């Protein structure tokens, strides 16, 4: 059970207060908070990991907090913080889609700064072209507004982000480190790659300079294909949210049949629909049965919950003679009362009836923190494929079926209702799917434009190709 979240109000500069609407009544503020709290009580699949008493206590602590918010934006931010307590990547609160809530992340007038988490540090990976010498790529943000970057993230960024894994939370926190409204300022210290430290005051305003360094990669389509030495085919699958990727894959099949080795890059695949990924995967195995994830959801039988209030854990072992309950029924009622009664979806393997030739050669699957949701389901299909190996870093560690609903003032939310596990019950949500060979890119790799994950895959396949 997690500790109750210590709640403090978000500090927003006075000039921003005057720019933001303040329309929500106290009743609406409490209603929005209460609606999210109750939908979690009823629908959140991982409530047992949070702990019902901790969730209730956090709700009570947030009531005076939301009532004390000074404007609608600050209220929605507190809902985000409330949601983040659940630590789930498929459970979120979303701001109203209104222009007044739009914020800047990379634009600071004469400066443009893009940040990523590399080696656990807030590294500058791109700037506007005119500033590439002043703020070289590979520079590190080491201080923000008088606090170390780590402390600033801990206090002002991470508490508002919903994530199932600590490493994705760190990624997103660094990416959003300097997010704010137009006019918001940040005093930062930047350590250049050669050790020089400079101080800057960055104020959010539109950057007119269009050129950035290094320039953005023009790739990034749904599917990309190229040949590597040794008749190794390199294939990127960048999403399973558009079924067009299946037809793109089929167009490449005649070439893929020539491959002696295959690299499938899933590092930028944020998921979509499991069946879209399965359409591709069936061509990569000789198996006729493919075992995907098992799923379960909360099961609500109100009378069971009422009966369960009078039962103890001992009744799940021997039943309850006073109530004429069998062990099985007593267990169901006891679990229902404790919000741990689940419905397990029918499970069977996917039958493959494909008549076309398959591409079954030594295969390296490249994975990382952005490999998410149905892309993780793709990896579950690959779990027992002896010709496949996973190389890179842990995956996103979150999937499921969100339930979406409206809150107040145009805000919306979603709650994860389904838990997915490996066929044998192993959990990956909250942990990520681990690579067979772990490779973590470093700052030096980035500066030297090296891709150590791809390099390791090429080296591995050389040992397997006959």
Protein backbone atom coordinates (compact mmCIF):
# COMPACT_ATOMS: atom_id res chain seq x y z
CA UNK A 1 0.00 0.00 0.00
CA UNK A 2 1.35 3.40 -0.92
CA UNK A 3 1.73 6.30 1.44
CA UNK A 4 -0.82 9.09 1.26
CA UNK A 5 0.27 11.80 -1.14
CA UNK A 6 1.44 15.00 0.52
CA UNK A 7 -0.60 17.67 -1.21
CA UNK A 8 0.56 21.23 -1.80
CA UNK A 9 -0.87 23.79 -4.18
CA UNK A 10 0.81 24.37 -7.52
CA UNK A 11 2.73 27.63 -7.56
CA UNK A 12 1.73 29.72 -10.56
CA UNK A 13 3.05 33.21 -11.18
CA UNK A 14 0.67 36.08 -10.43
CA UNK A 15 0.67 37.28 -14.01
CA UNK A 16 -0.67 33.90 -15.16
CA UNK A 17 -3.56 34.00 -12.67
CA UNK A 18 -4.97 37.01 -14.47
CA UNK A 19 -4.95 35.24 -17.82
CA UNK A 20 -6.85 32.11 -16.83
CA UNK A 21 -10.61 31.61 -16.38
CA UNK A 22 -12.06 31.17 -12.92
CA UNK A 23 -15.53 29.81 -13.59
CA UNK A 24 -15.91 26.63 -11.52
CA UNK A 25 -18.04 26.85 -8.41
CA UNK A 26 -16.99 25.15 -5.15
CA UNK A 27 -19.71 22.55 -5.72
CA UNK A 28 -18.40 21.78 -9.22
CA UNK A 29 -14.86 21.45 -7.92
CA UNK A 30 -15.87 18.92 -5.29
CA UNK A 31 -18.12 17.11 -7.75
CA UNK A 32 -15.32 16.71 -10.33
CA UNK A 33 -12.93 15.40 -7.69
CA UNK A 34 -15.60 13.07 -6.28
CA UNK A 35 -16.59 11.75 -9.69
CA UNK A 36 -13.04 10.73 -10.51
CA UNK A 37 -12.59 9.21 -7.02
CA UNK A 38 -15.76 7.15 -7.36
CA UNK A 39 -15.11 5.96 -10.92
CA UNK A 40 -11.72 4.73 -9.70
CA UNK A 41 -13.42 2.94 -6.80
CA UNK A 42 -15.72 1.13 -9.18
CA UNK A 43 -13.62 0.62 -12.31
CA UNK A 44 -9.87 0.88 -11.69
CA UNK A 45 -8.36 -2.56 -12.21
CA UNK A 46 -5.32 -1.91 -10.01
CA UNK A 47 -7.15 -0.52 -6.96
CA UNK A 48 -5.79 -3.41 -4.90
CA UNK A 49 -2.23 -2.17 -5.54
CA UNK A 50 -3.09 1.34 -4.40
CA UNK A 51 -5.08 0.29 -1.36
CA UNK A 52 -8.68 1.38 -0.79
CA UNK A 53 -7.95 3.12 2.50
CA UNK A 54 -5.01 5.04 1.02
CA UNK A 55 -7.16 6.12 -1.95
CA UNK A 56 -9.98 7.27 0.35
CA UNK A 57 -7.57 9.15 2.61
CA UNK A 58 -6.00 10.90 -0.39
CA UNK A 59 -9.46 11.90 -1.62
CA UNK A 60 -10.31 13.45 1.75
CA UNK A 61 -7.00 15.33 1.76
CA UNK A 62 -7.71 16.78 -1.69
CA UNK A 63 -11.14 18.24 -0.87
CA UNK A 64 -9.80 21.40 0.87
CA UNK A 65 -7.02 21.61 -1.71
CA UNK A 66 -9.36 21.81 -4.73
CA UNK A 67 -11.63 24.24 -2.88
CA UNK A 68 -8.66 26.55 -2.34
CA UNK A 69 -7.58 26.63 -5.99
CA UNK A 70 -7.51 30.15 -7.44
CA UNK A 71 -8.58 29.39 -11.02
CA UNK A 72 -9.80 26.60 -13.23
CA UNK A 73 -6.34 25.68 -14.49
CA UNK A 74 -4.98 25.25 -11.00
CA UNK A 75 -8.00 23.07 -10.18
CA UNK A 76 -7.38 20.81 -13.18
CA UNK A 77 -3.73 20.54 -12.21
CA UNK A 78 -4.75 19.29 -8.79
CA UNK A 79 -6.95 16.67 -10.47
CA UNK A 80 -3.89 15.60 -12.45
CA UNK A 81 -1.95 15.29 -9.21
CA UNK A 82 -4.78 13.30 -7.65
CA UNK A 83 -4.78 10.95 -10.66
CA UNK A 84 -0.99 10.56 -10.59
CA UNK A 85 -1.28 8.93 -7.16
CA UNK A 86 -2.61 5.84 -8.97
CA UNK A 87 0.62 5.44 -10.96
CA UNK A 88 -0.96 4.05 -14.13
CA UNK A 89 -0.09 4.98 -17.71
CA UNK A 90 -3.62 4.25 -18.97
CA UNK A 91 -5.33 6.33 -16.27
CA UNK A 92 -5.27 10.09 -16.84
CA UNK A 93 -6.97 13.43 -16.37
CA UNK A 94 -6.97 15.67 -19.45
CA UNK A 95 -7.27 19.45 -19.49
CA UNK A 96 -10.14 21.02 -21.49
CA UNK A 97 -9.16 21.50 -25.12
CA UNK A 98 -9.16 25.27 -24.90
CA UNK A 99 -6.61 27.73 -26.21
CA UNK A 100 -6.11 29.34 -22.80
CA UNK A 101 -4.65 26.06 -21.46
CA UNK A 102 -2.11 25.57 -24.26
CA UNK A 103 1.46 25.67 -22.99
CA UNK A 104 4.91 25.87 -24.53
CA UNK A 105 7.64 23.32 -23.96
CA UNK A 106 10.54 24.17 -26.27
CA UNK A 107 10.10 27.82 -27.33
CA UNK A 108 11.82 30.64 -25.43
CA UNK A 109 11.94 33.49 -27.95
CA UNK A 110 15.52 33.62 -29.21
CA UNK A 111 16.10 30.09 -27.84
CA UNK A 112 14.61 26.74 -28.77
CA UNK A 113 15.53 23.85 -26.44
CA UNK A 114 14.50 20.19 -26.69
CA UNK A 115 15.21 17.85 -23.76
CA UNK A 116 15.40 14.10 -23.34
CA UNK A 117 16.32 11.73 -20.55
CA UNK A 118 19.72 10.24 -21.41
CA UNK A 119 21.70 8.51 -18.68
CA UNK A 120 19.15 9.85 -16.17
CA UNK A 121 20.05 13.45 -17.03
CA UNK A 122 18.11 16.30 -18.67
CA UNK A 123 20.09 16.46 -21.91
CA UNK A 124 19.68 19.04 -24.66
CA UNK A 125 19.17 17.02 -27.83
CA UNK A 126 18.27 19.86 -30.20
CA UNK A 127 18.32 23.68 -30.33
CA UNK A 128 17.49 26.34 -32.85
CA UNK A 129 20.29 26.58 -35.41
CA UNK A 130 21.66 29.95 -34.25
CA UNK A 131 22.21 28.68 -30.69
CA UNK A 132 24.00 25.41 -31.47
CA UNK A 133 27.35 26.86 -30.33
CA UNK A 134 26.02 28.60 -27.23
CA UNK A 135 24.07 25.53 -26.07
CA UNK A 136 25.72 22.51 -27.74
CA UNK A 137 23.80 19.29 -28.16
CA UNK A 138 24.67 17.09 -25.18
CA UNK A 139 24.51 19.96 -22.68
CA UNK A 140 22.76 19.18 -19.39
CA UNK A 141 20.21 21.24 -17.46
CA UNK A 142 21.59 20.97 -13.92
CA UNK A 143 19.51 23.60 -12.10
CA UNK A 144 16.06 25.17 -12.46
CA UNK A 145 14.86 28.14 -10.42
CA UNK A 146 17.47 27.64 -7.72
CA UNK A 147 16.86 23.90 -7.33
CA UNK A 148 18.81 20.98 -8.71
CA UNK A 149 17.04 19.53 -11.71
CA UNK A 150 16.21 16.36 -9.76
CA UNK A 151 14.70 18.36 -6.88
CA UNK A 152 12.77 20.64 -9.22
CA UNK A 153 11.28 17.60 -10.99
CA UNK A 154 10.41 15.99 -7.68
CA UNK A 155 8.54 19.07 -6.47
CA UNK A 156 7.07 20.61 -9.62
CA UNK A 157 6.85 18.12 -12.49
CA UNK A 158 6.65 14.44 -11.55
CA UNK A 159 3.71 14.76 -9.10
CA UNK A 160 1.40 15.63 -12.01
CA UNK A 161 2.34 12.78 -14.37
CA UNK A 162 0.54 9.43 -14.47
CA UNK A 163 2.98 6.62 -15.18
CA UNK A 164 3.14 2.92 -14.44
CA UNK A 165 6.95 2.83 -14.30
CA UNK A 166 9.52 5.06 -12.63
CA UNK A 167 11.73 5.25 -15.73
CA UNK A 168 8.92 6.51 -17.98
CA UNK A 169 8.01 9.01 -15.28
CA UNK A 170 11.60 10.26 -15.44
CA UNK A 171 11.50 10.42 -19.25
CA UNK A 172 8.31 12.47 -19.29
CA UNK A 173 9.40 14.69 -16.42
CA UNK A 174 12.55 15.71 -18.27
CA UNK A 175 10.65 16.21 -21.51
CA UNK A 176 8.21 18.53 -19.68
CA UNK A 177 10.80 20.09 -17.40
CA UNK A 178 10.40 23.63 -18.76
CA UNK A 179 6.76 23.51 -19.87
CA UNK A 180 4.74 26.63 -19.11
CA UNK A 181 2.53 29.45 -20.33
CA UNK A 182 3.68 32.32 -22.49
CA UNK A 183 5.49 34.74 -20.20
CA UNK A 184 6.60 32.11 -17.67
CA UNK A 185 10.31 32.37 -16.87
CA UNK A 186 12.91 29.88 -15.72
CA UNK A 187 16.35 30.58 -14.33
CA UNK A 188 18.47 27.66 -15.47
CA UNK A 189 22.05 26.51 -15.23
CA UNK A 190 23.41 24.52 -18.14
CA UNK A 191 26.52 22.36 -18.12
CA UNK A 192 28.09 22.08 -21.55
CA UNK A 193 29.69 18.82 -22.75
CA UNK A 194 33.20 20.14 -21.97
CA UNK A 195 32.23 21.16 -18.43
CA UNK A 196 31.55 24.89 -18.80
CA UNK A 197 28.51 26.08 -16.83
CA UNK A 198 26.37 28.96 -18.02
CA UNK A 199 23.27 30.62 -16.53
CA UNK A 200 20.27 31.71 -18.58
CA UNK A 201 16.87 33.22 -17.96
CA UNK A 202 14.43 31.56 -20.34
CA UNK A 203 11.00 33.11 -20.92
CA UNK A 204 8.30 31.36 -22.91
CA UNK A 205 7.48 33.25 -26.08
CA UNK A 206 7.16 32.18 -29.71
CA UNK A 207 10.42 31.41 -31.48
CA UNK A 208 10.37 32.73 -35.04
CA UNK A 209 13.53 30.95 -36.16
CA UNK A 210 12.42 27.77 -37.94
CA UNK A 211 15.72 25.94 -38.44
CA UNK A 212 16.76 23.53 -35.70
CA UNK A 213 19.97 21.62 -35.12
CA UNK A 214 20.22 18.78 -35.67
CA UNK A 215 17.40 18.86 -38.20
CA UNK A 216 14.43 16.61 -37.56
CA UNK A 217 14.57 13.20 -39.20
CA UNK A 218 12.16 13.15 -42.12
CA UNK A 219 11.40 9.50 -41.43
CA UNK A 220 9.00 8.29 -38.80
CA UNK A 221 6.32 6.85 -41.09
CA UNK A 222 4.21 3.87 -40.08
CA UNK A 223 6.69 1.41 -41.58
CA UNK A 224 10.25 1.83 -42.82
CA UNK A 225 12.42 -0.76 -44.53
CA UNK A 226 16.05 -1.00 -45.57
CA UNK A 227 18.77 -3.58 -46.10
CA UNK A 228 21.77 -3.92 -43.82
CA UNK A 229 24.97 -5.84 -44.61
CA UNK A 230 24.79 -9.62 -44.58
CA UNK A 231 21.28 -9.76 -46.04
CA UNK A 232 19.78 -8.46 -42.81
CA UNK A 233 16.44 -6.73 -43.30
CA UNK A 234 15.71 -3.77 -41.01
CA UNK A 235 12.04 -3.03 -40.45
CA UNK A 236 10.54 -0.34 -38.22
CA UNK A 237 6.95 -0.75 -37.05
CA UNK A 238 6.03 2.64 -35.59
CA UNK A 239 2.47 2.05 -34.48
CA UNK A 240 -0.47 -0.36 -34.50
CA UNK A 241 -3.17 2.32 -34.48
CA UNK A 242 -3.60 2.38 -38.27
CA UNK A 243 -4.37 -0.84 -40.12
CA UNK A 244 -2.58 0.60 -43.15
CA UNK A 245 0.64 -0.75 -41.62
CA UNK A 246 -0.54 -4.28 -42.41
CA UNK A 247 -0.82 -3.56 -46.14
CA UNK A 248 2.54 -1.76 -46.07
CA UNK A 249 4.07 -4.87 -44.52
CA UNK A 250 2.55 -7.11 -47.18
CA UNK A 251 4.08 -4.91 -49.87
CA UNK A 252 7.52 -5.64 -48.40
CA UNK A 253 7.04 -9.40 -48.07
CA UNK A 254 8.63 -10.35 -51.41
CA UNK A 255 11.85 -8.60 -50.29
CA UNK A 256 11.68 -9.95 -46.75
CA UNK A 257 11.68 -13.51 -48.09
CA UNK A 258 15.27 -12.87 -49.19
CA UNK A 259 16.43 -11.99 -45.65
CA UNK A 260 18.86 -14.18 -43.74
CA UNK A 261 18.30 -12.12 -40.62
CA UNK A 262 15.64 -9.67 -39.52
CA UNK A 263 15.62 -6.65 -37.21
CA UNK A 264 12.21 -5.30 -36.17
CA UNK A 265 12.44 -1.92 -34.47
CA UNK A 266 9.56 -1.32 -32.04
CA UNK A 267 11.25 1.46 -30.04
CA UNK A 268 8.82 4.12 -31.26
CA UNK A 269 5.72 1.94 -31.36
CA UNK A 270 3.25 3.37 -28.84
CA UNK A 271 0.63 0.72 -29.55
CA UNK A 272 -2.88 0.83 -30.95
CA UNK A 273 -4.80 -2.37 -31.67
CA UNK A 274 -3.48 -5.83 -30.85
CA UNK A 275 -5.09 -7.44 -33.90
CA UNK A 276 -3.18 -5.10 -36.24
CA UNK A 277 0.12 -6.28 -34.79
CA UNK A 278 -1.03 -9.90 -34.92
CA UNK A 279 -1.68 -9.61 -38.66
CA UNK A 280 2.04 -8.93 -39.09
CA UNK A 281 3.31 -11.34 -36.45
CA UNK A 282 1.65 -14.37 -38.07
CA UNK A 283 4.11 -14.04 -40.97
CA UNK A 284 7.08 -14.20 -38.57
CA UNK A 285 6.49 -17.63 -37.07
CA UNK A 286 5.84 -21.20 -38.16
CA UNK A 287 3.42 -21.77 -35.29
CA UNK A 288 -0.26 -22.37 -35.94
CA UNK A 289 -1.24 -21.35 -32.42
CA UNK A 290 -0.16 -18.04 -30.92
CA UNK A 291 -0.60 -17.29 -27.24
CA UNK A 292 -1.33 -13.67 -26.41
CA UNK A 293 -2.05 -11.99 -23.11
CA UNK A 294 -4.68 -13.09 -20.62
CA UNK A 295 -7.07 -10.43 -19.34
CA UNK A 296 -9.27 -9.76 -16.34
CA UNK A 297 -11.47 -6.95 -15.05
CA UNK A 298 -13.36 -6.01 -11.88
CA UNK A 299 -16.50 -8.07 -11.25
CA UNK A 300 -19.31 -6.27 -9.41
CA UNK A 301 -22.07 -8.26 -7.75
CA UNK A 302 -23.53 -5.95 -5.13
CA UNK A 303 -25.16 -8.68 -3.03
CA UNK A 304 -21.87 -10.56 -2.87
CA UNK A 305 -20.28 -7.40 -1.52
CA UNK A 306 -23.03 -7.06 1.10
CA UNK A 307 -22.61 -10.66 2.23
CA UNK A 308 -18.84 -10.35 2.19
CA UNK A 309 -18.98 -7.60 4.83
CA UNK A 310 -19.87 -10.27 7.40
CA UNK A 311 -17.15 -12.73 6.38
CA UNK A 312 -13.52 -13.12 7.36
CA UNK A 313 -10.46 -14.51 5.61
CA UNK A 314 -10.99 -17.77 7.48
CA UNK A 315 -14.28 -18.30 5.63
CA UNK A 316 -12.36 -18.51 2.35
CA UNK A 317 -10.67 -21.65 3.69
CA UNK A 318 -13.56 -23.57 5.26
CA UNK A 319 -16.70 -21.81 4.07
CA UNK A 320 -19.31 -20.38 6.46
CA UNK A 321 -21.76 -22.84 8.02
CA UNK A 322 -23.89 -20.09 9.64
CA UNK A 323 -24.64 -18.67 6.21
CA UNK A 324 -24.63 -22.09 4.55
CA UNK A 325 -21.88 -20.90 2.24
CA UNK A 326 -19.41 -23.14 0.48
CA UNK A 327 -15.74 -22.27 0.42
CA UNK A 328 -16.08 -21.09 -3.19
CA UNK A 329 -19.06 -18.81 -2.56
CA UNK A 330 -17.59 -17.42 0.65
CA UNK A 331 -14.39 -16.63 -1.21
CA UNK A 332 -16.28 -14.81 -3.94
CA UNK A 333 -18.22 -12.72 -1.41
CA UNK A 334 -15.17 -11.93 0.69
CA UNK A 335 -13.22 -10.82 -2.39
CA UNK A 336 -16.17 -8.74 -3.62
CA UNK A 337 -16.30 -6.86 -0.32
CA UNK A 338 -12.57 -6.17 -0.56
CA UNK A 339 -12.75 -5.01 -4.21
CA UNK A 340 -10.70 -7.98 -5.39
CA UNK A 341 -13.34 -10.05 -7.17
CA UNK A 342 -12.44 -10.35 -10.84
CA UNK A 343 -13.94 -11.60 -14.06
CA UNK A 344 -11.44 -13.54 -16.17
CA UNK A 345 -12.09 -13.24 -19.88
CA UNK A 346 -12.31 -16.48 -21.84
CA UNK A 347 -8.87 -17.38 -23.09
CA UNK A 348 -7.77 -19.38 -26.08
CA UNK A 349 -4.86 -19.28 -28.45
CA UNK A 350 -5.12 -17.43 -31.74
CA UNK A 351 -5.29 -19.96 -34.56
CA UNK A 352 -3.18 -19.08 -37.58
CA UNK A 353 -4.47 -20.39 -40.92
CA UNK A 354 -2.03 -18.50 -43.08
CA UNK A 355 -1.12 -20.28 -46.31
CA UNK A 356 1.52 -17.83 -47.46
CA UNK A 357 5.22 -18.38 -46.93
CA UNK A 358 6.56 -17.18 -43.56
CA UNK A 359 9.68 -15.15 -42.71
CA UNK A 360 11.27 -17.27 -40.00
CA UNK A 361 14.93 -16.29 -39.66
CA UNK A 362 17.04 -15.13 -36.70
CA UNK A 363 15.14 -12.04 -35.55
CA UNK A 364 16.10 -9.22 -33.19
CA UNK A 365 13.27 -7.14 -31.70
CA UNK A 366 14.46 -3.67 -30.66
CA UNK A 367 12.53 -2.34 -27.67
CA UNK A 368 12.61 0.64 -25.34
CA UNK A 369 10.61 2.87 -23.03
CA UNK A 370 8.32 4.01 -25.88
CA UNK A 371 7.35 0.44 -26.80
CA UNK A 372 3.87 0.46 -25.32
CA UNK A 373 0.44 -1.08 -25.07
CA UNK A 374 -0.38 -3.31 -28.08
CA UNK A 375 3.31 -3.26 -29.05
CA UNK A 376 3.88 -5.01 -25.72
CA UNK A 377 1.15 -7.48 -26.69
CA UNK A 378 3.20 -8.11 -29.85
CA UNK A 379 6.15 -9.01 -27.61
CA UNK A 380 4.03 -11.43 -25.61
CA UNK A 381 3.33 -13.35 -28.82
CA UNK A 382 7.10 -13.42 -29.34
CA UNK A 383 7.85 -14.73 -25.85
CA UNK A 384 8.38 -18.36 -26.80
CA UNK A 385 9.72 -17.88 -30.31
CA UNK A 386 13.19 -19.42 -30.23
CA UNK A 387 14.37 -17.50 -33.30
CA UNK A 388 13.53 -14.14 -31.68
CA UNK A 389 15.43 -12.09 -29.11
CA UNK A 390 14.62 -8.75 -27.47
CA UNK A 391 17.38 -6.11 -27.36
CA UNK A 392 17.30 -2.66 -25.77
CA UNK A 393 15.61 -1.34 -22.64
CA UNK A 394 12.47 -2.13 -20.64
CA UNK A 395 9.22 -1.32 -22.41
CA UNK A 396 6.62 1.25 -21.35
CA UNK A 397 4.95 -1.16 -18.93
CA UNK A 398 1.32 -0.16 -19.44
CA UNK A 399 -1.60 -1.52 -21.42
CA UNK A 400 -5.29 -2.19 -20.85
CA UNK A 401 -8.74 -0.92 -21.80
CA UNK A 402 -9.42 2.64 -20.62
CA UNK A 403 -12.93 3.83 -19.71
CA UNK A 404 -13.31 7.50 -20.69
CA UNK A 405 -15.74 9.99 -19.18
CA UNK A 406 -16.33 13.73 -18.69
CA UNK A 407 -15.48 15.61 -15.50
CA UNK A 408 -16.34 19.31 -15.15
CA UNK A 409 -15.51 22.44 -17.11
CA UNK A 410 -14.64 20.49 -20.25
CA UNK A 411 -12.03 18.28 -18.60
CA UNK A 412 -12.08 14.55 -19.31
CA UNK A 413 -10.53 11.47 -17.75
CA UNK A 414 -9.89 7.83 -18.44
CA UNK A 415 -9.41 4.88 -16.11
CA UNK A 416 -7.79 1.55 -16.90
CA UNK A 417 -10.38 -1.22 -16.52
CA UNK A 418 -8.47 -4.27 -17.76
CA UNK A 419 -5.37 -6.05 -16.54
CA UNK A 420 -3.28 -7.97 -19.04
CA UNK A 421 -0.69 -10.59 -18.10
CA UNK A 422 1.41 -13.19 -19.86
CA UNK A 423 -0.36 -16.50 -20.62
CA UNK A 424 1.30 -18.03 -17.53
CA UNK A 425 0.21 -15.13 -15.30
CA UNK A 426 3.45 -13.12 -15.26
CA UNK A 427 2.85 -9.40 -14.87
CA UNK A 428 4.42 -6.72 -17.04
CA UNK A 429 2.21 -3.72 -16.34
CA UNK A 430 4.11 -1.59 -13.86
CA UNK A 431 7.39 -3.32 -14.66
CA UNK A 432 7.83 -3.31 -18.41
CA UNK A 433 8.85 -6.22 -20.61
CA UNK A 434 12.54 -6.80 -20.08
CA UNK A 435 15.00 -7.24 -22.93
CA UNK A 436 17.01 -10.44 -23.26
CA UNK A 437 20.05 -8.24 -23.93
CA UNK A 438 19.97 -4.86 -22.20
CA UNK A 439 21.57 -1.92 -24.00
CA UNK A 440 21.29 1.62 -22.61
CA UNK A 441 22.34 4.48 -24.89
CA UNK A 442 24.67 7.03 -23.30
CA UNK A 443 25.23 10.74 -23.84
CA UNK A 444 28.42 9.91 -25.77
CA UNK A 445 26.43 7.61 -28.04
CA UNK A 446 24.07 10.47 -28.77
CA UNK A 447 26.88 12.95 -29.40
CA UNK A 448 28.62 10.52 -31.74
CA UNK A 449 25.32 9.69 -33.46
CA UNK A 450 25.65 6.04 -32.55
CA UNK A 451 22.78 3.60 -32.10
CA UNK A 452 24.19 0.99 -29.69
CA UNK A 453 20.93 -0.99 -29.66
CA UNK A 454 20.98 -1.45 -33.42
CA UNK A 455 24.72 -2.17 -33.33
CA UNK A 456 24.19 -4.92 -30.74
CA UNK A 457 21.42 -6.44 -32.86
CA UNK A 458 23.67 -6.54 -35.92
CA UNK A 459 26.46 -8.15 -33.89
CA UNK A 460 24.06 -10.72 -32.46
CA UNK A 461 22.63 -11.71 -35.83
CA UNK A 462 26.11 -12.24 -37.26
CA UNK A 463 26.52 -15.08 -34.78
CA UNK A 464 23.20 -16.66 -35.76
CA UNK A 465 23.07 -16.35 -39.54
CA UNK A 466 24.32 -19.47 -41.29
